[in-house]
Amino acid sequence: MVGQLADVPTAGHLATDGLWARLRGGVTRVVLLLTDSGSGVVWPPVVATGEAAAAQWGRLFHRAALAGLAGEELWGVTSDGATGIAGYLRERLSGVAHQRCVFHLWRNLSGELGRQARQATTGLSKAAGAAVQRQVRQELSAAVRAVLDAASEGAAWTALPPLAALARGAKLAALLRPHIAAAHVCHRPYTRGLVRVSPEWCWRDFRLGLGHGRNHGTPARLERAALRWAIYHNFTPAQQRSERKRDYRRPGKSPLELAGCPPGRLSYLDALSV
């Protein structure tokens, strides 16, 4: 529905992610998601053939614009680094900052980190090798964490040489160097509202639907399920939680309520009936 979220305020900080699904006949499709970093409001998703083409991400942003997202209000986007979203931002939204998902950067480094830890055990007994491997992994992980979790981009560049100086840290430092600036976009003055990870947590709720998030057979049915879930997500309050050591961003509130448009007694079923 055109303009369905036109009156919902946004801080201009968004996050994207994709969920792959296998359909009938061996067909695979990916559900592309766009969320507001501050409130968690989900803009209408699309089902695409892949994540590598900028045109597929263009369809997602076009649908969000039809729903009411104002492109001139965008400041930054967080993504997992898919080539398609990076290309689309360069071509169509060059003024929008691109934050790389820190979780995906860790996952990309995990193979090299494990390889370096295993190589350090060459020639050692099983017991001694296990202890050395654990020590090397902890040492490298701490150095990588100092770069990725630095309080600013400048602090991250300062933490990079100590990582490269480690006995087995040179390769990890070389892999990290091209992504340091993109990993700390969220620390810039106008993009402090950006999240540091892509919204993969949304897919858990999507999979809890009647079709378990994937069993939809055809792309059209998959997209209808995704659109229905987006409305459900926006209207449904989060679980009310209370803990001494942790504060939750959405305690008992729906994304629409956090955005400043509380639905009141209206449910997602009322929205679907409209």
Foldseek 3Di string as FASTA:
>chain_A
DFQQCQPFDAQQAKEKDWDWFQFPPRQIWIKIWIAGLQLRQTQQIAIGSDQQALVNVVVGVVSSVRNRDDLVNHAEYEYQPHNNVVVNCVPPVVNHAYAHAVVSVCVVCVVLLQVLLQVVLPPHDPVVSVVSSVVSSVVLVVLVCQLLVPLALVSNVVSLVVQCPDPSRVVVSVSCVVCSVNSGPCNDPSNVSYDNHHVPVLLCQLCPDPCNLHHQRDSVSSSVSSRLVSLQQQQAADDADDDDPDDDSGHRGGSSVSSPRHPPPDHSVNVVVD
